[in-house]
Amino acid sequence: EEGIYDDDFKKLTESKLEELRKLRIEQPHLDGPITAE
């Protein structure tokens, strides 16, 4: 896979991530920080 992730792939991934953030789906058990426990 090395070298197949270019700037276009990065932009596509970031735009999909932004779309997911706009949905504002909250999952407290997944969104919180990882604890030492």
Full PDB file with SEQRES, HELIX, SHEET, SSBOND, CRYST1, ORIGX, SCALE, CONECT and MASTER records, all heavy atoms in Angstrom:
SEQRES   1 A   37  GLU GLU GLY ILE TYR ASP ASP ASP PHE LYS LYS LEU THR          
SEQRES   2 A   37  GLU SER LYS LEU GLU GLU LEU ARG LYS LEU ARG ILE GLU          
SEQRES   3 A   37  GLN PRO HIS LEU ASP GLY PRO ILE THR ALA GLU                  
HELIX    1 AA1 ASP A    7  LEU A   23  1                                  17    
HELIX    2 AA2 PRO A   28  ASP A   31  1                                   4    
CRYST1    1.000    1.000    1.000  90.00  90.00  90.00 P 1           1          
ORIGX1      1.000000  0.000000  0.000000        0.00000                         
ORIGX2      0.000000  1.000000  0.000000        0.00000                         
ORIGX3      0.000000  0.000000  1.000000        0.00000                         
SCALE1      1.000000  0.000000  0.000000        0.00000                         
SCALE2      0.000000  1.000000  0.000000        0.00000                         
SCALE3      0.000000  0.000000  1.000000        0.00000                         
ATOM      1  N   GLU A   1       0.800  -1.216   0.000  1.00  0.00           N  
ATOM      2  CA  GLU A   1       0.000   0.000   0.000  1.00  0.00           C  
ATOM      3  C   GLU A   1       0.839   1.276   0.000  1.00  0.00           C  
ATOM      4  O   GLU A   1       0.312   2.347  -0.258  1.00  0.00           O  
ATOM      5  CB  GLU A   1      -0.892   0.031   1.234  1.00  0.00           C  
ATOM      6  CG  GLU A   1      -1.908  -1.064   1.289  1.00  0.00           C  
ATOM      7  CD  GLU A   1      -2.735  -0.992   2.547  1.00  0.00           C  
ATOM      8  OE1 GLU A   1      -2.292  -0.364   3.526  1.00  0.00           O  
ATOM      9  OE2 GLU A   1      -3.825  -1.551   2.551  1.00  0.00           O  
ATOM     10  N   GLU A   2       2.102   1.159   0.304  1.00  0.00           N  
ATOM     11  CA  GLU A   2       2.910   2.365   0.452  1.00  0.00           C  
ATOM     12  C   GLU A   2       2.917   3.185  -0.830  1.00  0.00           C  
ATOM     13  O   GLU A   2       3.120   2.672  -1.919  1.00  0.00           O  
ATOM     14  CB  GLU A   2       4.349   2.002   0.833  1.00  0.00           C  
ATOM     15  CG  GLU A   2       5.137   3.221   1.233  1.00  0.00           C  
ATOM     16  CD  GLU A   2       6.442   2.867   1.912  1.00  0.00           C  
ATOM     17  OE1 GLU A   2       6.427   1.986   2.766  1.00  0.00           O  
ATOM     18  OE2 GLU A   2       7.455   3.477   1.560  1.00  0.00           O  
ATOM     19  N   GLY A   3       2.672   4.455  -0.699  1.00  0.00           N  
ATOM     20  CA  GLY A   3       2.708   5.355  -1.839  1.00  0.00           C  
ATOM     21  C   GLY A   3       1.368   5.542  -2.528  1.00  0.00           C  
ATOM     22  O   GLY A   3       1.254   6.368  -3.417  1.00  0.00           O  
ATOM     23  N   ILE A   4       0.320   4.764  -2.150  1.00  0.00           N  
ATOM     24  CA  ILE A   4      -0.962   4.924  -2.837  1.00  0.00           C  
ATOM     25  C   ILE A   4      -1.818   6.008  -2.196  1.00  0.00           C  
ATOM     26  O   ILE A   4      -2.851   6.369  -2.739  1.00  0.00           O  
ATOM     27  CB  ILE A   4      -1.755   3.599  -2.902  1.00  0.00           C  
ATOM     28  CG1 ILE A   4      -2.186   3.145  -1.519  1.00  0.00           C  
ATOM     29  CG2 ILE A   4      -0.976   2.525  -3.616  1.00  0.00           C  
ATOM     30  CD1 ILE A   4      -3.181   1.999  -1.548  1.00  0.00           C  
ATOM     31  N   TYR A   5      -1.405   6.507  -1.038  1.00  0.00           N  
ATOM     32  CA  TYR A   5      -2.170   7.544  -0.359  1.00  0.00           C  
ATOM     33  C   TYR A   5      -1.561   8.907  -0.693  1.00  0.00           C  
ATOM     34  O   TYR A   5      -0.581   9.315  -0.121  1.00  0.00           O  
ATOM     35  CB  TYR A   5      -2.178   7.305   1.156  1.00  0.00           C  
ATOM     36  CG  TYR A   5      -2.773   5.968   1.501  1.00  0.00           C  
ATOM     37  CD1 TYR A   5      -1.997   4.952   2.023  1.00  0.00           C  
ATOM     38  CD2 TYR A   5      -4.119   5.720   1.289  1.00  0.00           C  
ATOM     39  CE1 TYR A   5      -2.560   3.732   2.335  1.00  0.00           C  
ATOM     40  CE2 TYR A   5      -4.683   4.502   1.590  1.00  0.00           C  
ATOM     41  CZ  TYR A   5      -3.894   3.502   2.121  1.00  0.00           C  
ATOM     42  OH  TYR A   5      -4.450   2.298   2.412  1.00  0.00           O  
ATOM     43  N   ASP A   6      -2.181   9.595  -1.615  1.00  0.00           N  
ATOM     44  CA  ASP A   6      -1.680  10.884  -2.041  1.00  0.00           C  
ATOM     45  C   ASP A   6      -2.571  12.004  -1.512  1.00  0.00           C  
ATOM     46  O   ASP A   6      -3.464  11.775  -0.700  1.00  0.00           O  
ATOM     47  CB  ASP A   6      -1.571  10.941  -3.569  1.00  0.00           C  
ATOM     48  CG  ASP A   6      -2.892  10.616  -4.253  1.00  0.00           C  
ATOM     49  OD1 ASP A   6      -3.930  10.526  -3.564  1.00  0.00           O  
ATOM     50  OD2 ASP A   6      -2.892  10.458  -5.485  1.00  0.00           O  
ATOM     51  N   ASP A   7      -2.340  13.218  -1.968  1.00  0.00           N  
ATOM     52  CA  ASP A   7      -3.114  14.378  -1.505  1.00  0.00           C  
ATOM     53  C   ASP A   7      -4.597  14.250  -1.834  1.00  0.00           C  
ATOM     54  O   ASP A   7      -5.451  14.659  -1.048  1.00  0.00           O  
ATOM     55  CB  ASP A   7      -2.549  15.666  -2.092  1.00  0.00           C  
ATOM     56  CG  ASP A   7      -1.196  16.022  -1.491  1.00  0.00           C  
ATOM     57  OD1 ASP A   7      -0.920  15.582  -0.355  1.00  0.00           O  
ATOM     58  OD2 ASP A   7      -0.432  16.738  -2.156  1.00  0.00           O  
ATOM     59  N   ASP A   8      -4.921  13.677  -3.003  1.00  0.00           N  
ATOM     60  CA  ASP A   8      -6.333  13.511  -3.372  1.00  0.00           C  
ATOM     61  C   ASP A   8      -7.043  12.566  -2.400  1.00  0.00           C  
ATOM     62  O   ASP A   8      -8.172  12.816  -1.979  1.00  0.00           O  
ATOM     63  CB  ASP A   8      -6.468  12.972  -4.803  1.00  0.00           C  
ATOM     64  CG  ASP A   8      -6.038  13.990  -5.844  1.00  0.00           C  
ATOM     65  OD1 ASP A   8      -6.095  15.206  -5.536  1.00  0.00           O  
ATOM     66  OD2 ASP A   8      -5.647  13.578  -6.950  1.00  0.00           O  
ATOM     67  N   PHE A   9      -6.361  11.490  -2.037  1.00  0.00           N  
ATOM     68  CA  PHE A   9      -6.940  10.540  -1.087  1.00  0.00           C  
ATOM     69  C   PHE A   9      -7.125  11.205   0.279  1.00  0.00           C  
ATOM     70  O   PHE A   9      -8.143  11.005   0.940  1.00  0.00           O  
ATOM     71  CB  PHE A   9      -6.061   9.296  -0.963  1.00  0.00           C  
ATOM     72  CG  PHE A   9      -6.632   8.258  -0.044  1.00  0.00           C  
ATOM     73  CD1 PHE A   9      -7.644   7.413  -0.474  1.00  0.00           C  
ATOM     74  CD2 PHE A   9      -6.173   8.134   1.254  1.00  0.00           C  
ATOM     75  CE1 PHE A   9      -8.187   6.459   0.379  1.00  0.00           C  
ATOM     76  CE2 PHE A   9      -6.706   7.186   2.114  1.00  0.00           C  
ATOM     77  CZ  PHE A   9      -7.721   6.341   1.671  1.00  0.00           C  
ATOM     78  N   LYS A  10      -6.145  12.009   0.663  1.00  0.00           N  
ATOM     79  CA  LYS A  10      -6.239  12.723   1.938  1.00  0.00           C  
ATOM     80  C   LYS A  10      -7.450  13.661   1.940  1.00  0.00           C  
ATOM     81  O   LYS A  10      -8.223  13.690   2.912  1.00  0.00           O  
ATOM     82  CB  LYS A  10      -4.955  13.521   2.192  1.00  0.00           C  
ATOM     83  CG  LYS A  10      -4.981  14.304   3.480  1.00  0.00           C  
ATOM     84  CD  LYS A  10      -3.694  15.095   3.655  1.00  0.00           C  
ATOM     85  CE  LYS A  10      -3.788  15.968   4.899  1.00  0.00           C  
ATOM     86  NZ  LYS A  10      -2.620  16.815   5.071  1.00  0.00           N  
ATOM     87  N   LYS A  11      -7.636  14.421   0.856  1.00  0.00           N  
ATOM     88  CA  LYS A  11      -8.777  15.340   0.771  1.00  0.00           C  
ATOM     89  C   LYS A  11     -10.105  14.587   0.812  1.00  0.00           C  
ATOM     90  O   LYS A  11     -11.044  15.005   1.484  1.00  0.00           O  
ATOM     91  CB  LYS A  11      -8.681  16.173  -0.511  1.00  0.00           C  
ATOM     92  CG  LYS A  11      -7.581  17.204  -0.485  1.00  0.00           C  
ATOM     93  CD  LYS A  11      -7.473  17.910  -1.815  1.00  0.00           C  
ATOM     94  CE  LYS A  11      -6.246  18.817  -1.835  1.00  0.00           C  
ATOM     95  NZ  LYS A  11      -6.005  19.385  -3.159  1.00  0.00           N  
ATOM     96  N   LEU A  12     -10.187  13.470   0.107  1.00  0.00           N  
ATOM     97  CA  LEU A  12     -11.397  12.659   0.101  1.00  0.00           C  
ATOM     98  C   LEU A  12     -11.714  12.144   1.508  1.00  0.00           C  
ATOM     99  O   LEU A  12     -12.852  12.232   1.978  1.00  0.00           O  
ATOM    100  CB  LEU A  12     -11.243  11.483  -0.866  1.00  0.00           C  
ATOM    101  CG  LEU A  12     -12.385  10.478  -0.904  1.00  0.00           C  
ATOM    102  CD1 LEU A  12     -13.657  11.130  -1.437  1.00  0.00           C  
ATOM    103  CD2 LEU A  12     -12.002   9.285  -1.747  1.00  0.00           C  
ATOM    104  N   THR A  13     -10.702  11.647   2.183  1.00  0.00           N  
ATOM    105  CA  THR A  13     -10.883  11.127   3.537  1.00  0.00           C  
ATOM    106  C   THR A  13     -11.315  12.230   4.493  1.00  0.00           C  
ATOM    107  O   THR A  13     -12.227  12.048   5.305  1.00  0.00           O  
ATOM    108  CB  THR A  13      -9.588  10.476   4.036  1.00  0.00           C  
ATOM    109  OG1 THR A  13      -9.198   9.456   3.107  1.00  0.00           O  
ATOM    110  CG2 THR A  13      -9.767   9.860   5.403  1.00  0.00           C  
ATOM    111  N   GLU A  14     -10.678  13.393   4.397  1.00  0.00           N  
ATOM    112  CA  GLU A  14     -11.038  14.511   5.281  1.00  0.00           C  
ATOM    113  C   GLU A  14     -12.451  15.011   5.001  1.00  0.00           C  
ATOM    114  O   GLU A  14     -13.171  15.378   5.929  1.00  0.00           O  
ATOM    115  CB  GLU A  14     -10.016  15.638   5.148  1.00  0.00           C  
ATOM    116  CG  GLU A  14      -8.685  15.293   5.786  1.00  0.00           C  
ATOM    117  CD  GLU A  14      -7.616  16.345   5.563  1.00  0.00           C  
ATOM    118  OE1 GLU A  14      -7.801  17.217   4.689  1.00  0.00           O  
ATOM    119  OE2 GLU A  14      -6.591  16.282   6.261  1.00  0.00           O  
ATOM    120  N   SER A  15     -12.876  15.002   3.741  1.00  0.00           N  
ATOM    121  CA  SER A  15     -14.235  15.450   3.434  1.00  0.00           C  
ATOM    122  C   SER A  15     -15.270  14.462   3.979  1.00  0.00           C  
ATOM    123  O   SER A  15     -16.310  14.871   4.501  1.00  0.00           O  
ATOM    124  CB  SER A  15     -14.430  15.654   1.930  1.00  0.00           C  
ATOM    125  OG  SER A  15     -14.393  14.425   1.246  1.00  0.00           O  
ATOM    126  N   LYS A  16     -14.982  13.170   3.892  1.00  0.00           N  
ATOM    127  CA  LYS A  16     -15.895  12.171   4.463  1.00  0.00           C  
ATOM    128  C   LYS A  16     -15.960  12.308   5.983  1.00  0.00           C  
ATOM    129  O   LYS A  16     -17.031  12.178   6.580  1.00  0.00           O  
ATOM    130  CB  LYS A  16     -15.458  10.759   4.078  1.00  0.00           C  
ATOM    131  CG  LYS A  16     -15.741  10.419   2.642  1.00  0.00           C  
ATOM    132  CD  LYS A  16     -15.353   9.000   2.324  1.00  0.00           C  
ATOM    133  CE  LYS A  16     -15.660   8.674   0.875  1.00  0.00           C  
ATOM    134  NZ  LYS A  16     -15.351   7.284   0.555  1.00  0.00           N  
ATOM    135  N   LEU A  17     -14.823  12.569   6.599  1.00  0.00           N  
ATOM    136  CA  LEU A  17     -14.784  12.762   8.046  1.00  0.00           C  
ATOM    137  C   LEU A  17     -15.606  13.984   8.443  1.00  0.00           C  
ATOM    138  O   LEU A  17     -16.355  13.951   9.430  1.00  0.00           O  
ATOM    139  CB  LEU A  17     -13.335  12.917   8.518  1.00  0.00           C  
ATOM    140  CG  LEU A  17     -13.104  13.075  10.001  1.00  0.00           C  
ATOM    141  CD1 LEU A  17     -13.681  11.897  10.777  1.00  0.00           C  
ATOM    142  CD2 LEU A  17     -11.628  13.228  10.293  1.00  0.00           C  
ATOM    143  N   GLU A  18     -15.508  15.047   7.677  1.00  0.00           N  
ATOM    144  CA  GLU A  18     -16.290  16.254   7.954  1.00  0.00           C  
ATOM    145  C   GLU A  18     -17.793  15.979   7.832  1.00  0.00           C  
ATOM    146  O   GLU A  18     -18.588  16.447   8.647  1.00  0.00           O  
ATOM    147  CB  GLU A  18     -15.873  17.388   7.013  1.00  0.00           C  
ATOM    148  CG  GLU A  18     -16.473  18.724   7.359  1.00  0.00           C  
ATOM    149  CD  GLU A  18     -16.111  19.196   8.759  1.00  0.00           C  
ATOM    150  OE1 GLU A  18     -14.974  18.938   9.223  1.00  0.00           O  
ATOM    151  OE2 GLU A  18     -16.974  19.823   9.413  1.00  0.00           O  
ATOM    152  N   GLU A  19     -18.185  15.199   6.831  1.00  0.00           N  
ATOM    153  CA  GLU A  19     -19.592  14.821   6.681  1.00  0.00           C  
ATOM    154  C   GLU A  19     -20.074  14.048   7.911  1.00  0.00           C  
ATOM    155  O   GLU A  19     -21.184  14.268   8.396  1.00  0.00           O  
ATOM    156  CB  GLU A  19     -19.789  13.975   5.423  1.00  0.00           C  
ATOM    157  CG  GLU A  19     -19.656  14.744   4.129  1.00  0.00           C  
ATOM    158  CD  GLU A  19     -19.725  13.835   2.915  1.00  0.00           C  
ATOM    159  OE1 GLU A  19     -20.285  12.719   3.018  1.00  0.00           O  
ATOM    160  OE2 GLU A  19     -19.207  14.235   1.864  1.00  0.00           O  
ATOM    161  N   LEU A  20     -19.249  13.146   8.402  1.00  0.00           N  
ATOM    162  CA  LEU A  20     -19.623  12.381   9.594  1.00  0.00           C  
ATOM    163  C   LEU A  20     -19.747  13.280  10.818  1.00  0.00           C  
ATOM    164  O   LEU A  20     -20.632  13.094  11.651  1.00  0.00           O  
ATOM    165  CB  LEU A  20     -18.597  11.272   9.856  1.00  0.00           C  
ATOM    166  CG  LEU A  20     -18.593  10.119   8.854  1.00  0.00           C  
ATOM    167  CD1 LEU A  20     -17.408   9.193   9.114  1.00  0.00           C  
ATOM    168  CD2 LEU A  20     -19.899   9.350   8.909  1.00  0.00           C  
ATOM    169  N   ARG A  21     -18.873  14.268  10.922  1.00  0.00           N  
ATOM    170  CA  ARG A  21     -18.944  15.198  12.053  1.00  0.00           C  
ATOM    171  C   ARG A  21     -20.229  16.025  12.009  1.00  0.00           C  
ATOM    172  O   ARG A  21     -20.797  16.354  13.043  1.00  0.00           O  
ATOM    173  CB  ARG A  21     -17.730  16.122  12.066  1.00  0.00           C  
ATOM    174  CG  ARG A  21     -16.472  15.434  12.515  1.00  0.00           C  
ATOM    175  CD  ARG A  21     -15.325  16.417  12.628  1.00  0.00           C  
ATOM    176  NE  ARG A  21     -14.125  15.728  13.081  1.00  0.00           N  
ATOM    177  CZ  ARG A  21     -12.918  15.919  12.570  1.00  0.00           C  
ATOM    178  NH1 ARG A  21     -12.748  16.796  11.598  1.00  0.00           N  
ATOM    179  NH2 ARG A  21     -11.889  15.259  13.036  1.00  0.00           N  
ATOM    180  N   LYS A  22     -20.686  16.369  10.822  1.00  0.00           N  
ATOM    181  CA  LYS A  22     -21.918  17.150  10.677  1.00  0.00           C  
ATOM    182  C   LYS A  22     -23.138  16.361  11.143  1.00  0.00           C  
ATOM    183  O   LYS A  22     -24.127  16.945  11.561  1.00  0.00           O  
ATOM    184  CB  LYS A  22     -22.106  17.583   9.227  1.00  0.00           C  
ATOM    185  CG  LYS A  22     -21.156  18.670   8.797  1.00  0.00           C  
ATOM    186  CD  LYS A  22     -21.360  19.025   7.338  1.00  0.00           C  
ATOM    187  CE  LYS A  22     -20.323  20.035   6.877  1.00  0.00           C  
ATOM    188  NZ  LYS A  22     -20.445  20.325   5.442  1.00  0.00           N  
ATOM    189  N   LEU A  23     -23.077  15.045  11.075  1.00  0.00           N  
ATOM    190  CA  LEU A  23     -24.200  14.218  11.519  1.00  0.00           C  
ATOM    191  C   LEU A  23     -24.377  14.275  13.038  1.00  0.00           C  
ATOM    192  O   LEU A  23     -25.456  13.990  13.545  1.00  0.00           O  
ATOM    193  CB  LEU A  23     -23.998  12.762  11.084  1.00  0.00           C  
ATOM    194  CG  LEU A  23     -24.023  12.495   9.588  1.00  0.00           C  
ATOM    195  CD1 LEU A  23     -23.698  11.026   9.319  1.00  0.00           C  
ATOM    196  CD2 LEU A  23     -25.373  12.845   8.988  1.00  0.00           C  
ATOM    197  N   ARG A  24     -23.329  14.653  13.730  1.00  0.00           N  
ATOM    198  CA  ARG A  24     -23.345  14.793  15.188  1.00  0.00           C  
ATOM    199  C   ARG A  24     -23.899  13.564  15.904  1.00  0.00           C  
ATOM    200  O   ARG A  24     -24.715  13.659  16.805  1.00  0.00           O  
ATOM    201  CB  ARG A  24     -24.116  16.036  15.607  1.00  0.00           C  
ATOM    202  CG  ARG A  24     -23.462  17.310  15.176  1.00  0.00           C  
ATOM    203  CD  ARG A  24     -24.086  18.482  15.904  1.00  0.00           C  
ATOM    204  NE  ARG A  24     -23.467  19.721  15.486  1.00  0.00           N  
ATOM    205  CZ  ARG A  24     -22.461  20.305  16.125  1.00  0.00           C  
ATOM    206  NH1 ARG A  24     -21.971  19.776  17.195  1.00  0.00           N  
ATOM    207  NH2 ARG A  24     -21.967  21.438  15.678  1.00  0.00           N  
ATOM    208  N   ILE A  25     -23.478  12.414  15.459  1.00  0.00           N  
ATOM    209  CA  ILE A  25     -23.865  11.174  16.133  1.00  0.00           C  
ATOM    210  C   ILE A  25     -22.941  11.022  17.332  1.00  0.00           C  
ATOM    211  O   ILE A  25     -21.720  10.969  17.188  1.00  0.00           O  
ATOM    212  CB  ILE A  25     -23.728   9.957  15.195  1.00  0.00           C  
ATOM    213  CG1 ILE A  25     -24.659  10.120  13.999  1.00  0.00           C  
ATOM    214  CG2 ILE A  25     -24.019   8.669  15.951  1.00  0.00           C  
ATOM    215  CD1 ILE A  25     -24.467   9.069  12.924  1.00  0.00           C  
ATOM    216  N   GLU A  26     -23.535  10.973  18.503  1.00  0.00           N  
ATOM    217  CA  GLU A  26     -22.730  10.860  19.715  1.00  0.00           C  
ATOM    218  C   GLU A  26     -22.691   9.421  20.190  1.00  0.00           C  
ATOM    219  O   GLU A  26     -23.718   8.744  20.252  1.00  0.00           O  
ATOM    220  CB  GLU A  26     -23.297  11.757  20.812  1.00  0.00           C  
ATOM    221  CG  GLU A  26     -23.130  13.220  20.498  1.00  0.00           C  
ATOM    222  CD  GLU A  26     -23.519  14.096  21.660  1.00  0.00           C  
ATOM    223  OE1 GLU A  26     -23.399  13.642  22.806  1.00  0.00           O  
ATOM    224  OE2 GLU A  26     -23.936  15.223  21.402  1.00  0.00           O  
ATOM    225  N   GLN A  27     -21.497   8.975  20.500  1.00  0.00           N  
ATOM    226  CA  GLN A  27     -21.280   7.652  21.061  1.00  0.00           C  
ATOM    227  C   GLN A  27     -20.313   7.811  22.227  1.00  0.00           C  
ATOM    228  O   GLN A  27     -19.114   7.604  22.085  1.00  0.00           O  
ATOM    229  CB  GLN A  27     -20.701   6.710  20.009  1.00  0.00           C  
ATOM    230  CG  GLN A  27     -21.622   6.511  18.822  1.00  0.00           C  
ATOM    231  CD  GLN A  27     -20.984   5.657  17.757  1.00  0.00           C  
ATOM    232  OE1 GLN A  27     -19.776   5.632  17.585  1.00  0.00           O  
ATOM    233  NE2 GLN A  27     -21.816   4.939  17.029  1.00  0.00           N  
ATOM    234  N   PRO A  28     -20.836   8.207  23.386  1.00  0.00           N  
ATOM    235  CA  PRO A  28     -19.964   8.528  24.518  1.00  0.00           C  
ATOM    236  C   PRO A  28     -18.977   7.418  24.873  1.00  0.00           C  
ATOM    237  O   PRO A  28     -17.832   7.685  25.212  1.00  0.00           O  
ATOM    238  CB  PRO A  28     -20.929   8.773  25.667  1.00  0.00           C  
ATOM    239  CG  PRO A  28     -22.264   8.988  25.055  1.00  0.00           C  
ATOM    240  CD  PRO A  28     -22.244   8.341  23.719  1.00  0.00           C  
ATOM    241  N   HIS A  29     -19.405   6.173  24.764  1.00  0.00           N  
ATOM    242  CA  HIS A  29     -18.500   5.073  25.120  1.00  0.00           C  
ATOM    243  C   HIS A  29     -17.369   4.901  24.111  1.00  0.00           C  
ATOM    244  O   HIS A  29     -16.344   4.307  24.418  1.00  0.00           O  
ATOM    245  CB  HIS A  29     -19.285   3.772  25.293  1.00  0.00           C  
ATOM    246  CG  HIS A  29     -19.972   3.306  24.048  1.00  0.00           C  
ATOM    247  ND1 HIS A  29     -21.130   3.891  23.588  1.00  0.00           N  
ATOM    248  CD2 HIS A  29     -19.665   2.328  23.183  1.00  0.00           C  
ATOM    249  CE1 HIS A  29     -21.507   3.280  22.468  1.00  0.00           C  
ATOM    250  NE2 HIS A  29     -20.636   2.330  22.200  1.00  0.00           N  
ATOM    251  N   LEU A  30     -17.528   5.438  22.907  1.00  0.00           N  
ATOM    252  CA  LEU A  30     -16.466   5.362  21.902  1.00  0.00           C  
ATOM    253  C   LEU A  30     -15.731   6.688  21.736  1.00  0.00           C  
ATOM    254  O   LEU A  30     -14.550   6.702  21.369  1.00  0.00           O  
ATOM    255  CB  LEU A  30     -17.050   4.947  20.550  1.00  0.00           C  
ATOM    256  CG  LEU A  30     -17.672   3.560  20.470  1.00  0.00           C  
ATOM    257  CD1 LEU A  30     -18.273   3.343  19.095  1.00  0.00           C  
ATOM    258  CD2 LEU A  30     -16.652   2.485  20.779  1.00  0.00           C  
ATOM    259  N   ASP A  31     -16.422   7.791  21.972  1.00  0.00           N  
ATOM    260  CA  ASP A  31     -15.847   9.107  21.730  1.00  0.00           C  
ATOM    261  C   ASP A  31     -14.955   9.600  22.867  1.00  0.00           C  
ATOM    262  O   ASP A  31     -14.163  10.515  22.680  1.00  0.00           O  
ATOM    263  CB  ASP A  31     -16.947  10.139  21.474  1.00  0.00           C  
ATOM    264  CG  ASP A  31     -17.699   9.852  20.182  1.00  0.00           C  
ATOM    265  OD1 ASP A  31     -17.117   9.197  19.303  1.00  0.00           O  
ATOM    266  OD2 ASP A  31     -18.859  10.280  20.075  1.00  0.00           O  
ATOM    267  N   GLY A  32     -15.083   9.028  24.049  1.00  0.00           N  
ATOM    268  CA  GLY A  32     -14.299   9.480  25.190  1.00  0.00           C  
ATOM    269  C   GLY A  32     -12.852   9.033  25.099  1.00  0.00           C  
ATOM    270  O   GLY A  32     -12.487   8.196  24.263  1.00  0.00           O  
ATOM    271  N   PRO A  33     -12.020   9.591  25.954  1.00  0.00           N  
ATOM    272  CA  PRO A  33     -10.608   9.187  25.953  1.00  0.00           C  
ATOM    273  C   PRO A  33     -10.449   7.751  26.468  1.00  0.00           C  
ATOM    274  O   PRO A  33     -11.276   7.256  27.237  1.00  0.00           O  
ATOM    275  CB  PRO A  33      -9.951  10.184  26.915  1.00  0.00           C  
ATOM    276  CG  PRO A  33     -11.062  10.688  27.770  1.00  0.00           C  
ATOM    277  CD  PRO A  33     -12.303  10.617  26.942  1.00  0.00           C  
ATOM    278  N   ILE A  34      -9.401   7.101  26.022  1.00  0.00           N  
ATOM    279  CA  ILE A  34      -9.084   5.746  26.491  1.00  0.00           C  
ATOM    280  C   ILE A  34      -8.498   5.870  27.883  1.00  0.00           C  
ATOM    281  O   ILE A  34      -7.563   6.635  28.105  1.00  0.00           O  
ATOM    282  CB  ILE A  34      -8.094   5.058  25.531  1.00  0.00           C  
ATOM    283  CG1 ILE A  34      -8.727   4.918  24.152  1.00  0.00           C  
ATOM    284  CG2 ILE A  34      -7.677   3.702  26.083  1.00  0.00           C  
ATOM    285  CD1 ILE A  34      -7.771   4.454  23.077  1.00  0.00           C  
ATOM    286  N   THR A  35      -9.047   5.115  28.818  1.00  0.00           N  
ATOM    287  CA  THR A  35      -8.593   5.206  30.204  1.00  0.00           C  
ATOM    288  C   THR A  35      -7.516   4.176  30.495  1.00  0.00           C  
ATOM    289  O   THR A  35      -7.376   3.175  29.779  1.00  0.00           O  
ATOM    290  CB  THR A  35      -9.762   4.976  31.179  1.00  0.00           C  
ATOM    291  OG1 THR A  35     -10.223   3.617  31.032  1.00  0.00           O  
ATOM    292  CG2 THR A  35     -10.903   5.947  30.919  1.00  0.00           C  
ATOM    293  N   ALA A  36      -6.776   4.420  31.554  1.00  0.00           N  
ATOM    294  CA  ALA A  36      -5.743   3.466  31.987  1.00  0.00           C  
ATOM    295  C   ALA A  36      -6.382   2.130  32.354  1.00  0.00           C  
ATOM    296  O   ALA A  36      -5.815   1.069  32.092  1.00  0.00           O  
ATOM    297  CB  ALA A  36      -4.967   4.036  33.169  1.00  0.00           C  
ATOM    298  N   GLU A  37      -7.576   2.171  32.931  1.00  0.00           N  
ATOM    299  CA  GLU A  37      -8.282   0.938  33.300  1.00  0.00           C  
ATOM    300  C   GLU A  37      -8.620   0.107  32.063  1.00  0.00           C  
ATOM    301  O   GLU A  37      -8.474  -1.122  32.068  1.00  0.00           O  
ATOM    302  CB  GLU A  37      -9.563   1.271  34.078  1.00  0.00           C  
ATOM    303  CG  GLU A  37     -10.351   0.072  34.508  1.00  0.00           C  
ATOM    304  CD  GLU A  37      -9.617  -0.837  35.482  1.00  0.00           C  
ATOM    305  OE1 GLU A  37      -8.748  -0.354  36.230  1.00  0.00           O  
ATOM    306  OE2 GLU A  37      -9.917  -2.048  35.485  1.00  0.00           O  
TER     307      GLU A  37                                                      
MASTER        0    0    0    2    0    0    0    6  306    1    0    3          
END                                                                             
